[in-house]
Amino acid sequence: MFVFAFHHELLVEVIHCCDNWNSAMPNPMRQKAIEGLQAGDSFTYSRIFKKEETEQFGDMTRDYNPVHYDLRWAKVKEYDRLICHGLLVGSMICEFGGQVGWLATGMSYKFIKPVYFDEKITCTVTITKIERSGKAEAEALFFNASGEKVCWCLLTGRLPQSHERILLEQIVTEGDPTNKLS
């Protein structure tokens, strides 16, 4: 089950999405992008990272740091278990970006605590600034199930302008065929 929460000032709307999501209804993040995003809008969602995903990520990126694969190495680095790739966890921001049509221009991460396999991570992305040109900034905070902050990210990018939001709405009206989260 995914939980998307939108926050703007004191307004909070929570929408629960599940595996049998009604595909006739657009993804809530995408719908908010069509309506127009504002500074203060916030999106929260969770994910659990599996060992297989870390192995696939390592293959794609060629990051074979033993801290992800060899328990002896992880213990030498003072971790109890193997850890997920930090950028794999950080990639949770891509769900936000992909759903709202954010075109990234920069990302700055701080990895605070390790993330272990099968650990639930919750990411909250909050838009902090939007210029008239569509240039925007956002902050992403990542927490484990114990409520500990594991990662922080500052994002910069461009949000869809009005003519792009019209096209996005048309894509959704057509069934949003390339969006596996619709």
C-alpha atoms as a PDB file:
ATOM      1  CA  MET A   1       0.000   0.000   0.000  1.00  0.00           C
ATOM      2  CA  PHE A   2       1.296   3.453  -0.891  1.00  0.00           C
ATOM      3  CA  VAL A   3       0.209   6.561   0.958  1.00  0.00           C
ATOM      4  CA  PHE A   4       0.422   9.883  -0.798  1.00  0.00           C
ATOM      5  CA  ALA A   5      -0.007  12.941   1.378  1.00  0.00           C
ATOM      6  CA  PHE A   6      -0.325  16.427  -0.028  1.00  0.00           C
ATOM      7  CA  HIS A   7       0.321  19.348   2.298  1.00  0.00           C
ATOM      8  CA  HIS A   8      -0.155  22.997   1.514  1.00  0.00           C
ATOM      9  CA  GLU A   9      -0.233  25.381   4.434  1.00  0.00           C
ATOM     10  CA  LEU A  10      -2.830  23.873   6.784  1.00  0.00           C
ATOM     11  CA  LEU A  11      -4.620  21.773   4.168  1.00  0.00           C
ATOM     12  CA  VAL A  12      -3.803  18.082   4.343  1.00  0.00           C
ATOM     13  CA  GLU A  13      -5.361  15.546   2.010  1.00  0.00           C
ATOM     14  CA  VAL A  14      -4.349  11.918   2.310  1.00  0.00           C
ATOM     15  CA  ILE A  15      -5.091   9.484  -0.465  1.00  0.00           C
ATOM     16  CA  HIS A  16      -4.487   5.765  -0.009  1.00  0.00           C
ATOM     17  CA  CYS A  17      -3.421   3.865  -3.082  1.00  0.00           C
ATOM     18  CA  CYS A  18      -3.161   0.112  -3.308  1.00  0.00           C
ATOM     19  CA  ASP A  19      -2.383  -2.646  -5.798  1.00  0.00           C
ATOM     20  CA  ASN A  20      -5.899  -2.511  -7.222  1.00  0.00           C
ATOM     21  CA  TRP A  21      -5.661   1.236  -7.887  1.00  0.00           C
ATOM     22  CA  ASN A  22      -8.486   2.375 -10.151  1.00  0.00           C
ATOM     23  CA  SER A  23      -6.650   3.049 -13.418  1.00  0.00           C
ATOM     24  CA  ALA A  24      -9.521   5.286 -14.551  1.00  0.00           C
ATOM     25  CA  MET A  25      -8.377   7.697 -11.834  1.00  0.00           C
ATOM     26  CA  PRO A  26      -5.034   9.483 -12.374  1.00  0.00           C
ATOM     27  CA  ASN A  27      -2.163   9.086  -9.957  1.00  0.00           C
ATOM     28  CA  PRO A  28      -2.718  11.713  -7.206  1.00  0.00           C
ATOM     29  CA  MET A  29       0.733  13.258  -7.645  1.00  0.00           C
ATOM     30  CA  ARG A  30       0.199  13.563 -11.383  1.00  0.00           C
ATOM     31  CA  GLN A  31      -3.250  15.067 -10.831  1.00  0.00           C
ATOM     32  CA  LYS A  32      -1.765  17.681  -8.495  1.00  0.00           C
ATOM     33  CA  ALA A  33       0.822  18.550 -11.160  1.00  0.00           C
ATOM     34  CA  ILE A  34      -1.961  19.039 -13.720  1.00  0.00           C
ATOM     35  CA  GLU A  35      -3.799  21.355 -11.327  1.00  0.00           C
ATOM     36  CA  GLY A  36      -0.605  23.310 -10.654  1.00  0.00           C
ATOM     37  CA  LEU A  37       2.012  22.883  -7.958  1.00  0.00           C
ATOM     38  CA  GLN A  38       2.776  25.501  -5.312  1.00  0.00           C
ATOM     39  CA  ALA A  39       5.547  26.140  -2.839  1.00  0.00           C
ATOM     40  CA  GLY A  40       4.616  24.222   0.292  1.00  0.00           C
ATOM     41  CA  ASP A  41       3.114  21.240  -1.556  1.00  0.00           C
ATOM     42  CA  SER A  42       4.405  18.018  -0.040  1.00  0.00           C
ATOM     43  CA  PHE A  43       4.288  14.415  -1.218  1.00  0.00           C
ATOM     44  CA  THR A  44       4.947  11.404   1.016  1.00  0.00           C
ATOM     45  CA  TYR A  45       5.382   7.790  -0.075  1.00  0.00           C
ATOM     46  CA  SER A  46       7.155   4.671   1.137  1.00  0.00           C
ATOM     47  CA  ARG A  47       9.171   1.816  -0.259  1.00  0.00           C
ATOM     48  CA  ILE A  48      10.912  -1.332   0.916  1.00  0.00           C
ATOM     49  CA  PHE A  49      14.258  -2.122  -0.716  1.00  0.00           C
ATOM     50  CA  LYS A  50      15.077  -5.769  -1.383  1.00  0.00           C
ATOM     51  CA  LYS A  51      18.536  -7.304  -1.681  1.00  0.00           C
ATOM     52  CA  GLU A  52      17.829  -8.148  -5.332  1.00  0.00           C
ATOM     53  CA  GLU A  53      17.204  -4.467  -6.116  1.00  0.00           C
ATOM     54  CA  THR A  54      20.567  -3.517  -4.631  1.00  0.00           C
ATOM     55  CA  GLU A  55      22.257  -6.232  -6.703  1.00  0.00           C
ATOM     56  CA  GLN A  56      20.525  -4.960  -9.868  1.00  0.00           C
ATOM     57  CA  PHE A  57      21.460  -1.367  -8.998  1.00  0.00           C
ATOM     58  CA  GLY A  58      25.077  -2.451  -8.499  1.00  0.00           C
ATOM     59  CA  ASP A  59      25.043  -4.114 -11.910  1.00  0.00           C
ATOM     60  CA  MET A  60      23.571  -1.028 -13.600  1.00  0.00           C
ATOM     61  CA  THR A  61      25.959   1.406 -11.919  1.00  0.00           C
ATOM     62  CA  ARG A  62      28.958  -0.940 -11.587  1.00  0.00           C
ATOM     63  CA  ASP A  63      29.103  -0.085  -7.889  1.00  0.00           C
ATOM     64  CA  TYR A  64      30.376  -3.287  -6.323  1.00  0.00           C
ATOM     65  CA  ASN A  65      31.466  -1.818  -3.005  1.00  0.00           C
ATOM     66  CA  PRO A  66      31.709  -4.849  -0.685  1.00  0.00           C
ATOM     67  CA  VAL A  67      29.622  -3.031   1.961  1.00  0.00           C
ATOM     68  CA  HIS A  68      26.611  -4.044  -0.171  1.00  0.00           C
ATOM     69  CA  TYR A  69      27.693  -7.641  -0.847  1.00  0.00           C
ATOM     70  CA  ASP A  70      30.078  -9.043   1.784  1.00  0.00           C
ATOM     71  CA  LEU A  71      29.023  -9.157   5.437  1.00  0.00           C
ATOM     72  CA  ARG A  72      32.651  -9.262   6.607  1.00  0.00           C
ATOM     73  CA  TRP A  73      33.293  -5.916   4.913  1.00  0.00           C
ATOM     74  CA  ALA A  74      30.068  -4.419   6.265  1.00  0.00           C
ATOM     75  CA  LYS A  75      31.095  -5.427   9.796  1.00  0.00           C
ATOM     76  CA  VAL A  76      34.560  -3.892   9.344  1.00  0.00           C
ATOM     77  CA  LYS A  77      32.715  -0.683   8.416  1.00  0.00           C
ATOM     78  CA  GLU A  78      30.721  -1.081  11.666  1.00  0.00           C
ATOM     79  CA  TYR A  79      27.394  -2.102  10.122  1.00  0.00           C
ATOM     80  CA  ASP A  80      25.465  -5.052  11.512  1.00  0.00           C
ATOM     81  CA  ARG A  81      24.229  -6.087   8.084  1.00  0.00           C
ATOM     82  CA  LEU A  82      24.741  -5.392   4.400  1.00  0.00           C
ATOM     83  CA  ILE A  83      23.461  -1.974   3.384  1.00  0.00           C
ATOM     84  CA  CYS A  84      21.554  -0.681   0.364  1.00  0.00           C
ATOM     85  CA  HIS A  85      23.271   1.658  -2.082  1.00  0.00           C
ATOM     86  CA  GLY A  86      22.676   5.208  -0.896  1.00  0.00           C
ATOM     87  CA  LEU A  87      21.793   6.409  -4.374  1.00  0.00           C
ATOM     88  CA  LEU A  88      19.272   3.591  -4.753  1.00  0.00           C
ATOM     89  CA  VAL A  89      17.486   4.901  -1.665  1.00  0.00           C
ATOM     90  CA  GLY A  90      17.968   8.465  -2.872  1.00  0.00           C
ATOM     91  CA  SER A  91      16.365   7.506  -6.174  1.00  0.00           C
ATOM     92  CA  MET A  92      13.002   7.596  -4.401  1.00  0.00           C
ATOM     93  CA  ILE A  93      12.878  11.252  -5.470  1.00  0.00           C
ATOM     94  CA  CYS A  94      12.464   9.988  -9.043  1.00  0.00           C
ATOM     95  CA  GLU A  95       8.956   8.787  -8.200  1.00  0.00           C
ATOM     96  CA  PHE A  96       8.002  12.357  -7.308  1.00  0.00           C
ATOM     97  CA  GLY A  97       9.821  13.825 -10.313  1.00  0.00           C
ATOM     98  CA  GLY A  98       8.359  11.345 -12.756  1.00  0.00           C
ATOM     99  CA  GLN A  99       4.811  11.799 -11.560  1.00  0.00           C
ATOM    100  CA  VAL A 100       4.794  15.606 -11.535  1.00  0.00           C
ATOM    101  CA  GLY A 101       6.964  16.118 -14.628  1.00  0.00           C
ATOM    102  CA  TRP A 102       9.849  17.701 -12.682  1.00  0.00           C
ATOM    103  CA  LEU A 103      12.907  18.082 -14.926  1.00  0.00           C
ATOM    104  CA  ALA A 104      15.875  17.808 -12.580  1.00  0.00           C
ATOM    105  CA  THR A 105      18.771  20.245 -12.861  1.00  0.00           C
ATOM    106  CA  GLY A 106      20.535  19.358  -9.619  1.00  0.00           C
ATOM    107  CA  MET A 107      20.532  17.100  -6.581  1.00  0.00           C
ATOM    108  CA  SER A 108      22.613  17.310  -3.427  1.00  0.00           C
ATOM    109  CA  TYR A 109      22.445  14.409  -0.971  1.00  0.00           C
ATOM    110  CA  LYS A 110      23.493  13.850   2.617  1.00  0.00           C
ATOM    111  CA  PHE A 111      23.455  10.187   3.651  1.00  0.00           C
ATOM    112  CA  ILE A 112      22.938  10.109   7.408  1.00  0.00           C
ATOM    113  CA  LYS A 113      22.263   6.508   8.430  1.00  0.00           C
ATOM    114  CA  PRO A 114      22.504   3.180   6.612  1.00  0.00           C
ATOM    115  CA  VAL A 115      19.457   1.572   5.051  1.00  0.00           C
ATOM    116  CA  TYR A 116      19.246  -2.190   5.357  1.00  0.00           C
ATOM    117  CA  PHE A 117      17.468  -4.668   3.090  1.00  0.00           C
ATOM    118  CA  ASP A 118      13.735  -5.119   3.759  1.00  0.00           C
ATOM    119  CA  GLU A 119      13.587  -1.854   5.708  1.00  0.00           C
ATOM    120  CA  LYS A 120      10.645   0.447   5.006  1.00  0.00           C
ATOM    121  CA  ILE A 121      11.757   3.937   3.986  1.00  0.00           C
ATOM    122  CA  THR A 122       9.382   6.888   3.820  1.00  0.00           C
ATOM    123  CA  CYS A 123      10.265   9.847   1.637  1.00  0.00           C
ATOM    124  CA  THR A 124       8.654  13.272   1.888  1.00  0.00           C
ATOM    125  CA  VAL A 125       9.349  15.758  -0.891  1.00  0.00           C
ATOM    126  CA  THR A 126       8.348  19.367  -0.192  1.00  0.00           C
ATOM    127  CA  ILE A 127       8.478  22.072  -2.826  1.00  0.00           C
ATOM    128  CA  THR A 128      10.202  25.014  -1.172  1.00  0.00           C
ATOM    129  CA  LYS A 129      10.459  27.567  -3.978  1.00  0.00           C
ATOM    130  CA  ILE A 130       8.929  28.161  -7.411  1.00  0.00           C
ATOM    131  CA  GLU A 131       9.962  30.989  -9.721  1.00  0.00           C
ATOM    132  CA  ARG A 132       7.706  32.407 -12.454  1.00  0.00           C
ATOM    133  CA  SER A 133       9.925  30.705 -15.033  1.00  0.00           C
ATOM    134  CA  GLY A 134       9.084  27.313 -13.519  1.00  0.00           C
ATOM    135  CA  LYS A 135      12.491  26.873 -11.892  1.00  0.00           C
ATOM    136  CA  ALA A 136      11.918  25.247  -8.535  1.00  0.00           C
ATOM    137  CA  GLU A 137      13.595  23.871  -5.445  1.00  0.00           C
ATOM    138  CA  ALA A 138      12.461  21.061  -3.191  1.00  0.00           C
ATOM    139  CA  GLU A 139      13.698  19.226  -0.145  1.00  0.00           C
ATOM    140  CA  ALA A 140      13.410  15.476   0.319  1.00  0.00           C
ATOM    141  CA  LEU A 141      13.609  13.815   3.727  1.00  0.00           C
ATOM    142  CA  PHE A 142      13.933  10.054   4.108  1.00  0.00           C
ATOM    143  CA  PHE A 143      13.041   8.202   7.322  1.00  0.00           C
ATOM    144  CA  ASN A 144      13.233   4.562   8.367  1.00  0.00           C
ATOM    145  CA  ALA A 145      10.428   2.753  10.199  1.00  0.00           C
ATOM    146  CA  SER A 146      11.894   3.869  13.552  1.00  0.00           C
ATOM    147  CA  GLY A 147      11.479   7.499  12.505  1.00  0.00           C
ATOM    148  CA  GLU A 148      15.212   8.092  12.132  1.00  0.00           C
ATOM    149  CA  LYS A 149      16.300  10.380   9.305  1.00  0.00           C
ATOM    150  CA  VAL A 150      18.478   8.338   6.940  1.00  0.00           C
ATOM    151  CA  CYS A 151      18.934  10.779   4.054  1.00  0.00           C
ATOM    152  CA  TRP A 152      18.338  14.358   2.982  1.00  0.00           C
ATOM    153  CA  CYS A 153      18.311  15.808  -0.522  1.00  0.00           C
ATOM    154  CA  LEU A 154      18.032  19.273  -2.026  1.00  0.00           C
ATOM    155  CA  LEU A 155      16.545  19.173  -5.524  1.00  0.00           C
ATOM    156  CA  THR A 156      16.532  21.857  -8.176  1.00  0.00           C
ATOM    157  CA  GLY A 157      14.647  21.644 -11.419  1.00  0.00           C
ATOM    158  CA  ARG A 158      11.875  22.884 -13.637  1.00  0.00           C
ATOM    159  CA  LEU A 159       8.184  22.297 -13.106  1.00  0.00           C
ATOM    160  CA  PRO A 160       5.697  21.952 -15.964  1.00  0.00           C
ATOM    161  CA  GLN A 161       4.384  25.279 -17.235  1.00  0.00           C
ATOM    162  CA  SER A 162       0.707  25.775 -18.118  1.00  0.00           C
ATOM    163  CA  HIS A 163       1.023  24.517 -21.724  1.00  0.00           C
ATOM    164  CA  GLU A 164       2.905  21.436 -20.496  1.00  0.00           C
ATOM    165  CA  ARG A 165       0.254  20.761 -17.842  1.00  0.00           C
ATOM    166  CA  ILE A 166      -2.368  20.771 -20.623  1.00  0.00           C
ATOM    167  CA  LEU A 167      -0.379  18.093 -22.463  1.00  0.00           C
ATOM    168  CA  LEU A 168       0.058  16.121 -19.226  1.00  0.00           C
ATOM    169  CA  GLU A 169      -3.707  16.215 -18.724  1.00  0.00           C
ATOM    170  CA  GLN A 170      -4.177  14.941 -22.284  1.00  0.00           C
ATOM    171  CA  ILE A 171      -1.771  12.068 -21.604  1.00  0.00           C
ATOM    172  CA  VAL A 172      -3.743  11.173 -18.454  1.00  0.00           C
ATOM    173  CA  THR A 173      -7.019  11.385 -20.383  1.00  0.00           C
ATOM    174  CA  GLU A 174      -5.541   8.880 -22.862  1.00  0.00           C
ATOM    175  CA  GLY A 175      -4.990   6.464 -19.974  1.00  0.00           C
ATOM    176  CA  ASP A 176      -1.404   7.507 -19.112  1.00  0.00           C
ATOM    177  CA  PRO A 177      -0.125   4.363 -20.880  1.00  0.00           C
ATOM    178  CA  THR A 178       3.566   4.679 -19.956  1.00  0.00           C
ATOM    179  CA  ASN A 179       2.945   5.415 -16.263  1.00  0.00           C
ATOM    180  CA  LYS A 180       3.069   2.182 -14.253  1.00  0.00           C
ATOM    181  CA  LEU A 181       1.866   4.081 -11.168  1.00  0.00           C
ATOM    182  CA  SER A 182      -1.441   5.118 -12.744  1.00  0.00           C
END
